[in-house]
Amino acid sequence: MSRGSAIPRLTVVHCPQWSVIAAGCAPDEAVAVVHANRVVARSVAAAASGVRTGHRRREAQARCPDLRIVADEPLV
């Protein structure tokens, strides 16, 4: 293969808690990232309390009363 015909490469990284990490939350804090009143990401502590992606905000708060809610800020 000649040097001028390099094959483009693509890397995909799956980080399901990226929104929680980007929000600057403590690793042991119960956090849910919410968009349109639905949980789109949650921390390990929130998951241990029963919070799941897809839950409505109130359902998540009922399962974990000390849950910190963070608004989703998608890249535009």
Protein backbone atom coordinates (compact mmCIF):
# COMPACT_ATOMS: atom_id res chain seq x y z
CA MET A 1 0.00 0.00 0.00
CA SER A 2 1.38 3.40 -0.90
CA ARG A 3 1.68 6.17 1.68
CA GLY A 4 -0.86 8.37 -0.13
CA SER A 5 -3.73 5.90 0.20
CA ALA A 6 -3.96 5.47 3.96
CA ILE A 7 -7.17 3.94 5.22
CA PRO A 8 -9.08 6.26 7.58
CA ARG A 9 -9.50 4.86 11.07
CA LEU A 10 -12.31 5.40 13.50
CA THR A 11 -12.43 4.76 17.23
CA VAL A 12 -15.67 4.49 19.16
CA VAL A 13 -15.64 4.87 22.94
CA HIS A 14 -18.68 3.87 24.98
CA CYS A 15 -18.92 5.77 28.27
CA PRO A 16 -22.48 5.51 29.61
CA GLN A 17 -21.76 7.80 32.56
CA TRP A 18 -20.12 10.57 30.55
CA SER A 19 -22.90 13.08 31.34
CA VAL A 20 -22.45 12.43 35.06
CA ILE A 21 -18.67 12.77 34.80
CA ALA A 22 -18.94 15.94 32.70
CA ALA A 23 -21.27 17.49 35.29
CA GLY A 24 -18.40 17.31 37.79
CA CYS A 25 -20.22 15.15 40.32
CA ALA A 26 -18.44 13.21 43.05
CA PRO A 27 -17.95 9.51 42.21
CA ASP A 28 -19.98 8.35 45.21
CA GLU A 29 -22.83 10.87 44.77
CA ALA A 30 -26.30 9.75 43.65
CA VAL A 31 -26.85 11.75 40.45
CA ALA A 32 -29.34 11.55 37.59
CA VAL A 33 -29.01 13.48 34.34
CA VAL A 34 -32.48 14.42 33.11
CA HIS A 35 -33.71 15.45 29.66
CA ALA A 36 -37.41 16.08 28.91
CA ASN A 37 -38.30 14.88 32.43
CA ARG A 38 -36.63 11.46 31.86
CA VAL A 39 -33.41 10.04 33.28
CA VAL A 40 -30.88 9.70 30.46
CA ALA A 41 -27.84 8.84 32.63
CA ARG A 42 -27.19 8.02 36.27
CA SER A 43 -24.28 7.45 38.58
CA VAL A 44 -23.34 4.11 40.11
CA ALA A 45 -24.74 5.27 43.47
CA ALA A 46 -28.07 6.21 41.87
CA ALA A 47 -28.22 2.87 40.06
CA ALA A 48 -27.61 1.06 43.36
CA SER A 49 -30.65 2.90 44.77
CA GLY A 50 -32.84 1.63 41.93
CA VAL A 51 -32.72 4.60 39.55
CA ARG A 52 -32.79 3.46 35.92
CA THR A 53 -32.48 5.28 32.61
CA GLY A 54 -35.92 6.01 31.25
CA HIS A 55 -37.46 6.65 34.66
CA ARG A 56 -39.44 9.85 35.04
CA ARG A 57 -37.82 12.42 37.29
CA ARG A 58 -40.34 11.86 40.13
CA GLU A 59 -39.93 8.06 40.00
CA ALA A 60 -36.15 8.47 40.29
CA GLN A 61 -36.54 10.85 43.24
CA ALA A 62 -38.97 8.44 44.93
CA ARG A 63 -36.42 5.62 44.66
CA CYS A 64 -33.54 7.80 45.86
CA PRO A 65 -34.66 10.78 48.00
CA ASP A 66 -31.14 12.28 48.17
CA LEU A 67 -30.79 12.14 44.37
CA ARG A 68 -29.13 15.15 42.75
CA ILE A 69 -30.81 16.10 39.47
CA VAL A 70 -28.63 17.55 36.71
CA ALA A 71 -30.07 18.97 33.49
CA ASP A 72 -28.79 17.38 30.30
CA GLU A 73 -26.76 19.80 28.21
CA PRO A 74 -26.37 18.14 24.80
CA LEU A 75 -23.79 19.45 22.38
CA VAL A 76 -25.41 21.48 19.66
